[in-house]
Amino acid sequence: MIIFSPSIVAATYLVENSTWEAELTGIQWVSQTWGDVDNDNDLDLAVIGCTSLDGSSCDGYLSKIYINNGTSLVDDSD
């Protein structure tokens, strides 16, 4: 079970750039949250959303956790 708490304080600050975006999967109608999944004091990213739209409805869903390794976000496929 993963619990995300808004009171987590981490020393990681993200600046938008192509390195951070490289591993992210494009999705729409997204919900996201940050938390320290691997207990390394870096904030990791959890997302859930729609992978493709068919008219006005979603026809595919995706949920992923991306691990912050200090230089990029890496898909946690384990």
C-alpha atoms as a PDB file:
ATOM      1  CA  MET A   1       0.000   0.000   0.000  1.00  0.00           C
ATOM      2  CA  ILE A   2       1.319   3.434  -0.932  1.00  0.00           C
ATOM      3  CA  ILE A   3       0.219   6.419   1.112  1.00  0.00           C
ATOM      4  CA  PHE A   4       0.955   9.904  -0.136  1.00  0.00           C
ATOM      5  CA  SER A   5       1.165  12.565   2.525  1.00  0.00           C
ATOM      6  CA  PRO A   6       1.101  16.318   1.879  1.00  0.00           C
ATOM      7  CA  SER A   7       3.437  16.810   4.830  1.00  0.00           C
ATOM      8  CA  ILE A   8       6.451  15.141   3.179  1.00  0.00           C
ATOM      9  CA  VAL A   9       9.393  17.491   2.930  1.00  0.00           C
ATOM     10  CA  ALA A  10      12.082  16.657   0.396  1.00  0.00           C
ATOM     11  CA  ALA A  11      15.144  18.490  -0.851  1.00  0.00           C
ATOM     12  CA  THR A  12      14.321  17.930  -4.514  1.00  0.00           C
ATOM     13  CA  TYR A  13      13.218  20.742  -6.789  1.00  0.00           C
ATOM     14  CA  LEU A  14      12.141  20.065 -10.363  1.00  0.00           C
ATOM     15  CA  VAL A  15      12.670  22.471 -13.237  1.00  0.00           C
ATOM     16  CA  GLU A  16      10.896  21.677 -16.500  1.00  0.00           C
ATOM     17  CA  ASN A  17      13.344  20.436 -19.128  1.00  0.00           C
ATOM     18  CA  SER A  18      13.645  17.701 -21.744  1.00  0.00           C
ATOM     19  CA  THR A  19      15.619  15.395 -19.406  1.00  0.00           C
ATOM     20  CA  TRP A  20      12.757  15.195 -16.912  1.00  0.00           C
ATOM     21  CA  GLU A  21      10.122  14.848 -19.639  1.00  0.00           C
ATOM     22  CA  ALA A  22      11.929  12.147 -21.644  1.00  0.00           C
ATOM     23  CA  GLU A  23      10.593   9.125 -19.707  1.00  0.00           C
ATOM     24  CA  LEU A  24       7.017  10.383 -19.166  1.00  0.00           C
ATOM     25  CA  THR A  25       4.118   8.833 -21.070  1.00  0.00           C
ATOM     26  CA  GLY A  26       1.656  11.296 -22.574  1.00  0.00           C
ATOM     27  CA  ILE A  27      -1.816  10.976 -21.041  1.00  0.00           C
ATOM     28  CA  GLN A  28      -4.936  13.125 -20.798  1.00  0.00           C
ATOM     29  CA  TRP A  29      -7.468  13.757 -18.011  1.00  0.00           C
ATOM     30  CA  VAL A  30      -4.644  13.265 -15.510  1.00  0.00           C
ATOM     31  CA  SER A  31      -4.555  12.980 -11.741  1.00  0.00           C
ATOM     32  CA  GLN A  32      -1.107  13.118 -10.200  1.00  0.00           C
ATOM     33  CA  THR A  33       0.545  13.238  -6.836  1.00  0.00           C
ATOM     34  CA  TRP A  34       4.073  13.382  -5.473  1.00  0.00           C
ATOM     35  CA  GLY A  35       5.438  11.217  -2.665  1.00  0.00           C
ATOM     36  CA  ASP A  36       8.601   9.441  -1.587  1.00  0.00           C
ATOM     37  CA  VAL A  37       7.768   5.907  -2.760  1.00  0.00           C
ATOM     38  CA  ASP A  38      11.291   4.501  -2.404  1.00  0.00           C
ATOM     39  CA  ASN A  39      12.229   6.348   0.831  1.00  0.00           C
ATOM     40  CA  ASP A  40      15.272   8.100  -0.640  1.00  0.00           C
ATOM     41  CA  ASN A  41      14.108  11.649   0.258  1.00  0.00           C
ATOM     42  CA  ASP A  42      13.425  12.487  -3.424  1.00  0.00           C
ATOM     43  CA  LEU A  43       9.817  13.063  -4.462  1.00  0.00           C
ATOM     44  CA  ASP A  44       8.509  10.434  -6.896  1.00  0.00           C
ATOM     45  CA  LEU A  45       5.537  10.913  -9.230  1.00  0.00           C
ATOM     46  CA  ALA A  46       2.346   8.815  -9.415  1.00  0.00           C
ATOM     47  CA  VAL A  47      -0.062   9.456 -12.308  1.00  0.00           C
ATOM     48  CA  ILE A  48      -3.331   8.006 -13.574  1.00  0.00           C
ATOM     49  CA  GLY A  49      -5.166   9.105 -16.676  1.00  0.00           C
ATOM     50  CA  CYS A  50      -6.550   8.397 -20.111  1.00  0.00           C
ATOM     51  CA  THR A  51      -4.202   7.154 -22.839  1.00  0.00           C
ATOM     52  CA  SER A  52      -6.497   7.939 -25.745  1.00  0.00           C
ATOM     53  CA  LEU A  53      -9.828   9.587 -26.379  1.00  0.00           C
ATOM     54  CA  ASP A  54     -12.600   8.273 -28.579  1.00  0.00           C
ATOM     55  CA  GLY A  55     -14.763  11.334 -29.154  1.00  0.00           C
ATOM     56  CA  SER A  56     -15.572  12.563 -25.672  1.00  0.00           C
ATOM     57  CA  SER A  57     -14.858   9.365 -23.720  1.00  0.00           C
ATOM     58  CA  CYS A  58     -11.698   7.602 -22.615  1.00  0.00           C
ATOM     59  CA  ASP A  59     -10.984   4.244 -24.244  1.00  0.00           C
ATOM     60  CA  GLY A  60      -7.786   3.344 -22.367  1.00  0.00           C
ATOM     61  CA  TYR A  61      -6.398   4.011 -18.876  1.00  0.00           C
ATOM     62  CA  LEU A  62      -2.891   4.125 -17.486  1.00  0.00           C
ATOM     63  CA  SER A  63      -1.467   4.343 -13.981  1.00  0.00           C
ATOM     64  CA  LYS A  64       2.264   4.659 -13.401  1.00  0.00           C
ATOM     65  CA  ILE A  65       4.807   5.493 -10.757  1.00  0.00           C
ATOM     66  CA  TYR A  66       7.915   7.359 -11.864  1.00  0.00           C
ATOM     67  CA  ILE A  67      10.935   7.165  -9.547  1.00  0.00           C
ATOM     68  CA  ASN A  68      13.016  10.323  -9.116  1.00  0.00           C
ATOM     69  CA  ASN A  69      16.658   9.255  -9.350  1.00  0.00           C
ATOM     70  CA  GLY A  70      17.967  12.786  -8.819  1.00  0.00           C
ATOM     71  CA  THR A  71      18.452  13.606 -12.504  1.00  0.00           C
ATOM     72  CA  SER A  72      15.321  12.229 -14.171  1.00  0.00           C
ATOM     73  CA  LEU A  73      12.020  10.456 -13.596  1.00  0.00           C
ATOM     74  CA  VAL A  74      12.262   6.735 -14.427  1.00  0.00           C
ATOM     75  CA  ASP A  75       9.274   4.455 -15.055  1.00  0.00           C
ATOM     76  CA  ASP A  76       8.996   2.036 -12.143  1.00  0.00           C
ATOM     77  CA  SER A  77       7.936  -1.092 -14.043  1.00  0.00           C
ATOM     78  CA  ASP A  78       8.675  -3.479 -11.155  1.00  0.00           C
END
